PDB file of all heavy atoms in Angstrom:
ATOM      1  N   VAL A   1      28.603   3.029  16.301  1.00  0.00           N
ATOM      2  CA  VAL A   1      29.358   1.812  15.999  1.00  0.00           C
ATOM      3  C   VAL A   1      29.750   1.223  17.271  1.00  0.00           C
ATOM      4  O   VAL A   1      29.953   1.870  18.348  1.00  0.00           O
ATOM      5  CB  VAL A   1      30.645   2.000  15.192  1.00  0.00           C
ATOM      6  CG1 VAL A   1      30.255   2.398  13.808  1.00  0.00           C
ATOM      7  CG2 VAL A   1      31.523   3.056  15.712  1.00  0.00           C
ATOM      8  N   ALA A   2      29.897  -0.181  17.293  1.00  0.00           N
ATOM      9  CA  ALA A   2      30.534  -0.778  18.528  1.00  0.00           C
ATOM     10  C   ALA A   2      31.481  -1.963  17.997  1.00  0.00           C
ATOM     11  O   ALA A   2      31.011  -2.670  17.081  1.00  0.00           O
ATOM     12  CB  ALA A   2      29.454  -1.373  19.413  1.00  0.00           C
ATOM     13  N   LEU A   3      32.570  -2.073  18.509  1.00  0.00           N
ATOM     14  CA  LEU A   3      33.498  -3.214  18.238  1.00  0.00           C
ATOM     15  C   LEU A   3      33.437  -4.239  19.221  1.00  0.00           C
ATOM     16  O   LEU A   3      33.401  -3.992  20.471  1.00  0.00           O
ATOM     17  CB  LEU A   3      34.817  -2.572  18.125  1.00  0.00           C
ATOM     18  CG  LEU A   3      35.143  -1.521  17.178  1.00  0.00           C
ATOM     19  CD1 LEU A   3      36.596  -1.158  17.173  1.00  0.00           C
ATOM     20  CD2 LEU A   3      34.758  -1.826  15.811  1.00  0.00           C
ATOM     21  N   ALA A   4      33.392  -5.514  18.787  1.00  0.00           N
ATOM     22  CA  ALA A   4      33.394  -6.735  19.689  1.00  0.00           C
ATOM     23  C   ALA A   4      34.924  -7.243  19.813  1.00  0.00           C
ATOM     24  O   ALA A   4      35.657  -7.009  18.853  1.00  0.00           O
ATOM     25  CB  ALA A   4      32.476  -7.757  19.165  1.00  0.00           C
ATOM     26  N   GLY A   5      35.115  -7.924  20.840  1.00  0.00           N
ATOM     27  CA  GLY A   5      36.420  -8.483  20.978  1.00  0.00           C
ATOM     28  C   GLY A   5      36.908  -9.444  19.870  1.00  0.00           C
ATOM     29  O   GLY A   5      38.091  -9.600  19.626  1.00  0.00           O
ATOM     30  N   ASP A   6      35.888 -10.145  19.165  1.00  0.00           N
ATOM     31  CA  ASP A   6      36.239 -10.953  18.028  1.00  0.00           C
ATOM     32  C   ASP A   6      36.349 -10.324  16.800  1.00  0.00           C
ATOM     33  O   ASP A   6      36.606 -10.872  15.688  1.00  0.00           O
ATOM     34  CB  ASP A   6      35.211 -12.010  17.960  1.00  0.00           C
ATOM     35  CG  ASP A   6      33.735 -11.462  17.767  1.00  0.00           C
ATOM     36  OD1 ASP A   6      33.645 -10.272  17.478  1.00  0.00           O
ATOM     37  OD2 ASP A   6      32.733 -12.289  17.658  1.00  0.00           O
ATOM     38  N   GLY A   7      36.390  -8.977  16.752  1.00  0.00           N
ATOM     39  CA  GLY A   7      36.635  -8.171  15.550  1.00  0.00           C
ATOM     40  C   GLY A   7      35.345  -7.709  14.892  1.00  0.00           C
ATOM     41  O   GLY A   7      35.439  -6.915  13.842  1.00  0.00           O
ATOM     42  N   ALA A   8      34.201  -8.260  15.278  1.00  0.00           N
ATOM     43  CA  ALA A   8      32.919  -7.830  14.594  1.00  0.00           C
ATOM     44  C   ALA A   8      32.655  -6.252  14.845  1.00  0.00           C
ATOM     45  O   ALA A   8      32.969  -5.765  15.909  1.00  0.00           O
ATOM     46  CB  ALA A   8      31.733  -8.593  15.185  1.00  0.00           C
ATOM     47  N   ILE A   9      32.097  -5.700  13.780  1.00  0.00           N
ATOM     48  CA  ILE A   9      31.768  -4.328  13.979  1.00  0.00           C
ATOM     49  C   ILE A   9      30.273  -4.172  13.702  1.00  0.00           C
ATOM     50  O   ILE A   9      29.741  -4.575  12.817  1.00  0.00           O
ATOM     51  CB  ILE A   9      32.501  -3.403  12.746  1.00  0.00           C
ATOM     52  CG1 ILE A   9      34.034  -3.639  12.847  1.00  0.00           C
ATOM     53  CG2 ILE A   9      32.080  -2.029  12.811  1.00  0.00           C
ATOM     54  CD1 ILE A   9      34.705  -3.146  11.587  1.00  0.00           C
ATOM     55  N   TYR A  10      29.662  -3.554  14.722  1.00  0.00           N
ATOM     56  CA  TYR A  10      28.212  -3.344  14.612  1.00  0.00           C
ATOM     57  C   TYR A  10      27.913  -1.849  14.355  1.00  0.00           C
ATOM     58  O   TYR A  10      28.613  -1.008  15.024  1.00  0.00           O
ATOM     59  CB  TYR A  10      27.529  -3.748  15.952  1.00  0.00           C
ATOM     60  CG  TYR A  10      27.699  -5.318  16.193  1.00  0.00           C
ATOM     61  CD1 TYR A  10      28.594  -5.627  17.111  1.00  0.00           C
ATOM     62  CD2 TYR A  10      27.033  -6.237  15.375  1.00  0.00           C
ATOM     63  CE1 TYR A  10      28.839  -7.024  17.244  1.00  0.00           C
ATOM     64  CE2 TYR A  10      27.313  -7.582  15.537  1.00  0.00           C
ATOM     65  CZ  TYR A  10      28.190  -7.860  16.502  1.00  0.00           C
ATOM     66  OH  TYR A  10      28.394  -9.317  16.695  1.00  0.00           O
ATOM     67  N   VAL A  11      26.911  -1.693  13.648  1.00  0.00           N
ATOM     68  CA  VAL A  11      26.629  -0.219  13.120  1.00  0.00           C
ATOM     69  C   VAL A  11      25.082   0.033  13.422  1.00  0.00           C
ATOM     70  O   VAL A  11      24.261  -0.799  12.929  1.00  0.00           O
ATOM     71  CB  VAL A  11      26.939   0.036  11.661  1.00  0.00           C
ATOM     72  CG1 VAL A  11      26.429   1.343  11.254  1.00  0.00           C
ATOM     73  CG2 VAL A  11      28.504  -0.239  11.330  1.00  0.00           C
ATOM     74  N   ALA A  12      24.799   1.056  14.058  1.00  0.00           N
ATOM     75  CA  ALA A  12      23.371   1.477  14.181  1.00  0.00           C
ATOM     76  C   ALA A  12      22.908   2.212  12.838  1.00  0.00           C
ATOM     77  O   ALA A  12      23.455   3.299  12.645  1.00  0.00           O
ATOM     78  CB  ALA A  12      23.237   2.397  15.415  1.00  0.00           C
ATOM     79  N   ASP A  13      22.214   1.621  11.976  1.00  0.00           N
ATOM     80  CA  ASP A  13      21.772   2.165  10.783  1.00  0.00           C
ATOM     81  C   ASP A  13      20.441   2.840  10.952  1.00  0.00           C
ATOM     82  O   ASP A  13      19.357   2.238  10.779  1.00  0.00           O
ATOM     83  CB  ASP A  13      21.694   0.995   9.801  1.00  0.00           C
ATOM     84  CG  ASP A  13      21.572   1.502   8.313  1.00  0.00           C
ATOM     85  OD1 ASP A  13      21.768   2.731   8.083  1.00  0.00           O
ATOM     86  OD2 ASP A  13      21.471   0.640   7.377  1.00  0.00           O
ATOM     87  N   PHE A  14      20.544   4.017  11.393  1.00  0.00           N
ATOM     88  CA  PHE A  14      19.470   4.854  11.978  1.00  0.00           C
ATOM     89  C   PHE A  14      18.204   4.840  11.269  1.00  0.00           C
ATOM     90  O   PHE A  14      17.083   4.460  11.603  1.00  0.00           O
ATOM     91  CB  PHE A  14      19.857   6.210  12.463  1.00  0.00           C
ATOM     92  CG  PHE A  14      18.900   7.011  13.319  1.00  0.00           C
ATOM     93  CD1 PHE A  14      18.776   6.701  14.657  1.00  0.00           C
ATOM     94  CD2 PHE A  14      18.153   7.859  12.727  1.00  0.00           C
ATOM     95  CE1 PHE A  14      18.002   7.451  15.538  1.00  0.00           C
ATOM     96  CE2 PHE A  14      17.262   8.719  13.532  1.00  0.00           C
ATOM     97  CZ  PHE A  14      17.123   8.418  14.931  1.00  0.00           C
ATOM     98  N   ASP A  15      18.337   5.418   9.933  1.00  0.00           N
ATOM     99  CA  ASP A  15      17.137   5.669   9.161  1.00  0.00           C
ATOM    100  C   ASP A  15      16.579   4.399   8.564  1.00  0.00           C
ATOM    101  O   ASP A  15      15.452   4.378   8.021  1.00  0.00           O
ATOM    102  CB  ASP A  15      17.434   6.752   8.047  1.00  0.00           C
ATOM    103  CG  ASP A  15      17.542   8.059   8.641  1.00  0.00           C
ATOM    104  OD1 ASP A  15      17.220   8.275   9.784  1.00  0.00           O
ATOM    105  OD2 ASP A  15      18.016   8.927   8.007  1.00  0.00           O
ATOM    106  N   ASN A  16      17.342   3.239   8.551  1.00  0.00           N
ATOM    107  CA  ASN A  16      16.906   1.965   7.914  1.00  0.00           C
ATOM    108  C   ASN A  16      16.232   1.260   9.041  1.00  0.00           C
ATOM    109  O   ASN A  16      15.602   0.187   8.837  1.00  0.00           O
ATOM    110  CB  ASN A  16      18.059   1.179   7.381  1.00  0.00           C
ATOM    111  CG  ASN A  16      18.261   1.667   5.937  1.00  0.00           C
ATOM    112  OD1 ASN A  16      17.446   1.981   5.234  1.00  0.00           O
ATOM    113  ND2 ASN A  16      19.544   1.513   5.490  1.00  0.00           N
ATOM    114  N   GLY A  17      16.386   1.580  10.343  1.00  0.00           N
ATOM    115  CA  GLY A  17      15.915   0.739  11.611  1.00  0.00           C
ATOM    116  C   GLY A  17      16.468  -0.502  11.649  1.00  0.00           C
ATOM    117  O   GLY A  17      15.860  -1.515  11.975  1.00  0.00           O
ATOM    118  N   ARG A  18      17.787  -0.651  11.450  1.00  0.00           N
ATOM    119  CA  ARG A  18      18.591  -1.997  11.504  1.00  0.00           C
ATOM    120  C   ARG A  18      19.885  -1.794  12.145  1.00  0.00           C
ATOM    121  O   ARG A  18      20.321  -0.678  12.249  1.00  0.00           O
ATOM    122  CB  ARG A  18      18.745  -2.474  10.032  1.00  0.00           C
ATOM    123  CG  ARG A  18      17.542  -2.635   9.218  1.00  0.00           C
ATOM    124  CD  ARG A  18      17.803  -3.356   7.869  1.00  0.00           C
ATOM    125  NE  ARG A  18      16.473  -3.717   7.201  1.00  0.00           N
ATOM    126  CZ  ARG A  18      16.471  -4.652   6.362  1.00  0.00           C
ATOM    127  NH1 ARG A  18      17.425  -5.349   6.075  1.00  0.00           N
ATOM    128  NH2 ARG A  18      15.248  -4.893   5.725  1.00  0.00           N
ATOM    129  N   VAL A  19      20.390  -2.937  12.701  1.00  0.00           N
ATOM    130  CA  VAL A  19      21.657  -3.025  13.148  1.00  0.00           C
ATOM    131  C   VAL A  19      22.500  -3.811  12.116  1.00  0.00           C
ATOM    132  O   VAL A  19      21.930  -4.959  11.848  1.00  0.00           O
ATOM    133  CB  VAL A  19      21.874  -3.622  14.474  1.00  0.00           C
ATOM    134  CG1 VAL A  19      23.344  -3.783  14.844  1.00  0.00           C
ATOM    135  CG2 VAL A  19      21.047  -2.745  15.548  1.00  0.00           C
ATOM    136  N   ARG A  20      23.486  -3.346  11.582  1.00  0.00           N
ATOM    137  CA  ARG A  20      24.309  -3.983  10.604  1.00  0.00           C
ATOM    138  C   ARG A  20      25.620  -4.524  11.231  1.00  0.00           C
ATOM    139  O   ARG A  20      26.119  -4.044  12.238  1.00  0.00           O
ATOM    140  CB  ARG A  20      24.665  -3.111   9.462  1.00  0.00           C
ATOM    141  CG  ARG A  20      23.499  -2.148   8.972  1.00  0.00           C
ATOM    142  CD  ARG A  20      22.444  -2.919   8.309  1.00  0.00           C
ATOM    143  NE  ARG A  20      22.877  -3.399   6.987  1.00  0.00           N
ATOM    144  CZ  ARG A  20      22.878  -2.597   5.854  1.00  0.00           C
ATOM    145  NH1 ARG A  20      22.411  -1.406   5.970  1.00  0.00           N
ATOM    146  NH2 ARG A  20      23.338  -3.111   4.689  1.00  0.00           N
ATOM    147  N   ALA A  21      26.171  -5.522  10.635  1.00  0.00           N
ATOM    148  CA  ALA A  21      27.406  -6.145  11.081  1.00  0.00           C
ATOM    149  C   ALA A  21      28.443  -6.106   9.943  1.00  0.00           C
ATOM    150  O   ALA A  21      28.124  -6.447   8.771  1.00  0.00           O
ATOM    151  CB  ALA A  21      27.225  -7.522  11.560  1.00  0.00           C
ATOM    152  N   LEU A  22      29.517  -5.624  10.242  1.00  0.00           N
ATOM    153  CA  LEU A  22      30.633  -5.538   9.188  1.00  0.00           C
ATOM    154  C   LEU A  22      31.955  -6.299   9.724  1.00  0.00           C
ATOM    155  O   LEU A  22      32.113  -6.400  10.881  1.00  0.00           O
ATOM    156  CB  LEU A  22      31.103  -4.047   9.010  1.00  0.00           C
ATOM    157  CG  LEU A  22      30.316  -3.129   8.099  1.00  0.00           C
ATOM    158  CD1 LEU A  22      28.830  -2.857   8.849  1.00  0.00           C
ATOM    159  CD2 LEU A  22      30.915  -1.807   7.850  1.00  0.00           C
ATOM    160  N   ASP A  23      32.669  -6.726   8.646  1.00  0.00           N
ATOM    161  CA  ASP A  23      33.990  -7.340   8.998  1.00  0.00           C
ATOM    162  C   ASP A  23      35.040  -6.316   8.550  1.00  0.00           C
ATOM    163  O   ASP A  23      34.875  -5.214   8.114  1.00  0.00           O
ATOM    164  CB  ASP A  23      34.204  -8.729   8.344  1.00  0.00           C
ATOM    165  CG  ASP A  23      34.209  -8.716   6.826  1.00  0.00           C
ATOM    166  OD1 ASP A  23      34.416  -7.548   6.247  1.00  0.00           O
ATOM    167  OD2 ASP A  23      34.118  -9.862   6.260  1.00  0.00           O
ATOM    168  N   ALA A  24      36.317  -6.707   8.733  1.00  0.00           N
ATOM    169  CA  ALA A  24      37.462  -5.916   8.509  1.00  0.00           C
ATOM    170  C   ALA A  24      37.666  -5.493   7.015  1.00  0.00           C
ATOM    171  O   ALA A  24      38.187  -4.450   6.703  1.00  0.00           O
ATOM    172  CB  ALA A  24      38.821  -6.476   8.920  1.00  0.00           C
ATOM    173  N   THR A  25      36.905  -6.134   6.050  1.00  0.00           N
ATOM    174  CA  THR A  25      36.957  -5.838   4.679  1.00  0.00           C
ATOM    175  C   THR A  25      35.879  -4.852   4.190  1.00  0.00           C
ATOM    176  O   THR A  25      35.799  -4.440   3.112  1.00  0.00           O
ATOM    177  CB  THR A  25      36.947  -7.053   3.823  1.00  0.00           C
ATOM    178  OG1 THR A  25      35.610  -7.628   3.838  1.00  0.00           O
ATOM    179  CG2 THR A  25      37.949  -8.135   4.211  1.00  0.00           C
ATOM    180  N   GLY A  26      34.979  -4.703   5.166  1.00  0.00           N
ATOM    181  CA  GLY A  26      33.821  -3.892   4.834  1.00  0.00           C
ATOM    182  C   GLY A  26      32.600  -4.647   4.395  1.00  0.00           C
ATOM    183  O   GLY A  26      31.542  -4.076   4.075  1.00  0.00           O
ATOM    184  N   ALA A  27      32.722  -5.997   4.270  1.00  0.00           N
ATOM    185  CA  ALA A  27      31.554  -6.745   3.943  1.00  0.00           C
ATOM    186  C   ALA A  27      30.498  -6.589   5.021  1.00  0.00           C
ATOM    187  O   ALA A  27      30.736  -6.670   6.192  1.00  0.00           O
ATOM    188  CB  ALA A  27      31.994  -8.284   3.828  1.00  0.00           C
ATOM    189  N   THR A  28      29.261  -6.380   4.589  1.00  0.00           N
ATOM    190  CA  THR A  28      28.221  -6.029   5.356  1.00  0.00           C
ATOM    191  C   THR A  28      27.037  -6.913   5.365  1.00  0.00           C
ATOM    192  O   THR A  28      26.645  -7.540   4.298  1.00  0.00           O
ATOM    193  CB  THR A  28      27.620  -4.595   4.946  1.00  0.00           C
ATOM    194  OG1 THR A  28      28.724  -3.644   5.128  1.00  0.00           O
ATOM    195  CG2 THR A  28      26.509  -4.091   5.815  1.00  0.00           C
ATOM    196  N   SER A  29      26.378  -7.296   6.561  1.00  0.00           N
ATOM    197  CA  SER A  29      25.304  -8.038   6.666  1.00  0.00           C
ATOM    198  C   SER A  29      24.289  -7.413   7.694  1.00  0.00           C
ATOM    199  O   SER A  29      24.727  -6.471   8.303  1.00  0.00           O
ATOM    200  CB  SER A  29      25.537  -9.531   7.157  1.00  0.00           C
ATOM    201  OG  SER A  29      26.225  -9.538   8.386  1.00  0.00           O
ATOM    202  N   THR A  30      23.087  -7.838   7.701  1.00  0.00           N
ATOM    203  CA  THR A  30      22.081  -7.278   8.635  1.00  0.00           C
ATOM    204  C   THR A  30      21.935  -8.236   9.944  1.00  0.00           C
ATOM    205  O   THR A  30      21.761  -9.342   9.681  1.00  0.00           O
ATOM    206  CB  THR A  30      20.767  -7.076   7.969  1.00  0.00           C
ATOM    207  OG1 THR A  30      20.770  -6.125   6.995  1.00  0.00           O
ATOM    208  CG2 THR A  30      19.714  -6.681   8.954  1.00  0.00           C
ATOM    209  N   LEU A  31      22.153  -7.724  11.044  1.00  0.00           N
ATOM    210  CA  LEU A  31      22.068  -8.515  12.191  1.00  0.00           C
ATOM    211  C   LEU A  31      20.679  -8.347  12.853  1.00  0.00           C
ATOM    212  O   LEU A  31      20.037  -9.385  13.196  1.00  0.00           O
ATOM    213  CB  LEU A  31      23.038  -7.981  13.335  1.00  0.00           C
ATOM    214  CG  LEU A  31      22.942  -8.691  14.644  1.00  0.00           C
ATOM    215  CD1 LEU A  31      23.447 -10.052  14.567  1.00  0.00           C
ATOM    216  CD2 LEU A  31      23.679  -7.851  15.732  1.00  0.00           C
ATOM    217  N   VAL A  32      20.057  -7.131  12.906  1.00  0.00           N
ATOM    218  CA  VAL A  32      18.825  -6.969  13.436  1.00  0.00           C
ATOM    219  C   VAL A  32      17.898  -6.216  12.412  1.00  0.00           C
ATOM    220  O   VAL A  32      18.274  -5.181  12.010  1.00  0.00           O
ATOM    221  CB  VAL A  32      18.733  -6.141  14.827  1.00  0.00           C
ATOM    222  CG1 VAL A  32      17.444  -6.029  15.363  1.00  0.00           C
ATOM    223  CG2 VAL A  32      19.701  -6.802  15.778  1.00  0.00           C
ATOM    224  N   ALA A  33      16.604  -6.701  12.136  1.00  0.00           N
ATOM    225  CA  ALA A  33      15.621  -6.119  11.397  1.00  0.00           C
ATOM    226  C   ALA A  33      14.324  -6.704  11.748  1.00  0.00           C
ATOM    227  O   ALA A  33      14.076  -7.910  11.396  1.00  0.00           O
ATOM    228  CB  ALA A  33      15.893  -6.239   9.895  1.00  0.00           C
ATOM    229  N   GLN A  34      13.612  -6.115  12.598  1.00  0.00           N
ATOM    230  CA  GLN A  34      12.326  -6.666  13.019  1.00  0.00           C
ATOM    231  C   GLN A  34      11.312  -5.641  13.244  1.00  0.00           C
ATOM    232  O   GLN A  34      11.680  -4.428  13.382  1.00  0.00           O
ATOM    233  CB  GLN A  34      12.521  -7.619  14.227  1.00  0.00           C
ATOM    234  CG  GLN A  34      13.052  -6.904  15.471  1.00  0.00           C
ATOM    235  CD  GLN A  34      13.199  -7.894  16.573  1.00  0.00           C
ATOM    236  OE1 GLN A  34      13.984  -8.804  16.513  1.00  0.00           O
ATOM    237  NE2 GLN A  34      12.603  -7.639  17.762  1.00  0.00           N
ATOM    238  N   ASP A  35      10.022  -6.049  13.401  1.00  0.00           N
ATOM    239  CA  ASP A  35       8.936  -5.033  13.551  1.00  0.00           C
ATOM    240  C   ASP A  35       9.117  -4.205  14.825  1.00  0.00           C
ATOM    241  O   ASP A  35       9.590  -4.745  15.960  1.00  0.00           O
ATOM    242  CB  ASP A  35       7.617  -5.775  13.681  1.00  0.00           C
ATOM    243  CG  ASP A  35       7.146  -6.272  12.358  1.00  0.00           C
ATOM    244  OD1 ASP A  35       7.773  -5.946  11.262  1.00  0.00           O
ATOM    245  OD2 ASP A  35       6.237  -7.185  12.249  1.00  0.00           O
ATOM    246  N   HIS A  36       8.845  -2.830  14.820  1.00  0.00           N
ATOM    247  CA  HIS A  36       8.977  -1.973  15.897  1.00  0.00           C
ATOM    248  C   HIS A  36      10.261  -1.953  16.455  1.00  0.00           C
ATOM    249  O   HIS A  36      10.506  -1.629  17.655  1.00  0.00           O
ATOM    250  CB  HIS A  36       7.870  -2.448  16.926  1.00  0.00           C
ATOM    251  CG  HIS A  36       6.511  -2.453  16.474  1.00  0.00           C
ATOM    252  ND1 HIS A  36       5.887  -1.370  15.850  1.00  0.00           N
ATOM    253  CD2 HIS A  36       5.525  -3.446  16.491  1.00  0.00           C
ATOM    254  CE1 HIS A  36       4.671  -1.641  15.546  1.00  0.00           C
ATOM    255  NE2 HIS A  36       4.414  -2.861  15.821  1.00  0.00           N
ATOM    256  N   PHE A  37      11.286  -2.190  15.702  1.00  0.00           N
ATOM    257  CA  PHE A  37      12.707  -1.853  15.981  1.00  0.00           C
ATOM    258  C   PHE A  37      13.151  -0.734  15.221  1.00  0.00           C
ATOM    259  O   PHE A  37      13.616  -0.907  13.987  1.00  0.00           O
ATOM    260  CB  PHE A  37      13.576  -3.047  15.702  1.00  0.00           C
ATOM    261  CG  PHE A  37      14.902  -2.996  16.345  1.00  0.00           C
ATOM    262  CD1 PHE A  37      15.379  -3.408  17.516  1.00  0.00           C
ATOM    263  CD2 PHE A  37      15.994  -2.377  15.454  1.00  0.00           C
ATOM    264  CE1 PHE A  37      16.694  -3.290  17.912  1.00  0.00           C
ATOM    265  CE2 PHE A  37      17.312  -2.314  15.813  1.00  0.00           C
ATOM    266  CZ  PHE A  37      17.634  -2.789  17.073  1.00  0.00           C
ATOM    267  N   ALA A  38      13.002   0.523  15.784  1.00  0.00           N
ATOM    268  CA  ALA A  38      13.024   1.665  14.793  1.00  0.00           C
ATOM    269  C   ALA A  38      14.138   2.702  15.454  1.00  0.00           C
ATOM    270  O   ALA A  38      14.042   2.896  16.729  1.00  0.00           O
ATOM    271  CB  ALA A  38      11.755   2.339  14.599  1.00  0.00           C
ATOM    272  N   HIS A  39      14.790   3.294  14.562  1.00  0.00           N
ATOM    273  CA  HIS A  39      15.755   4.354  14.978  1.00  0.00           C
ATOM    274  C   HIS A  39      16.694   3.852  16.012  1.00  0.00           C
ATOM    275  O   HIS A  39      16.856   4.512  17.201  1.00  0.00           O
ATOM    276  CB  HIS A  39      14.999   5.611  15.351  1.00  0.00           C
ATOM    277  CG  HIS A  39      14.169   6.284  14.321  1.00  0.00           C
ATOM    278  ND1 HIS A  39      12.768   6.357  14.484  1.00  0.00           N
ATOM    279  CD2 HIS A  39      14.462   6.597  13.095  1.00  0.00           C
ATOM    280  CE1 HIS A  39      12.225   6.931  13.457  1.00  0.00           C
ATOM    281  NE2 HIS A  39      13.264   7.032  12.564  1.00  0.00           N
ATOM    282  N   PRO A  40      17.589   2.941  15.686  1.00  0.00           N
ATOM    283  CA  PRO A  40      18.554   2.474  16.728  1.00  0.00           C
ATOM    284  C   PRO A  40      19.761   3.547  16.790  1.00  0.00           C
ATOM    285  O   PRO A  40      20.121   4.154  15.731  1.00  0.00           O
ATOM    286  CB  PRO A  40      19.246   1.115  16.190  1.00  0.00           C
ATOM    287  CG  PRO A  40      18.905   1.345  14.579  1.00  0.00           C
ATOM    288  CD  PRO A  40      17.600   2.194  14.485  1.00  0.00           C
TER     289      PRO A  40
END
């Protein structure tokens, strides 16, 4: 995980090959999902 100064929470979703973004309520979205971006 990594926290940004604006409160964003980034998660390395390893087995999905994605980076996810969360807010303080746990609401989740996908920030990165692209070809050959695997095991972050």
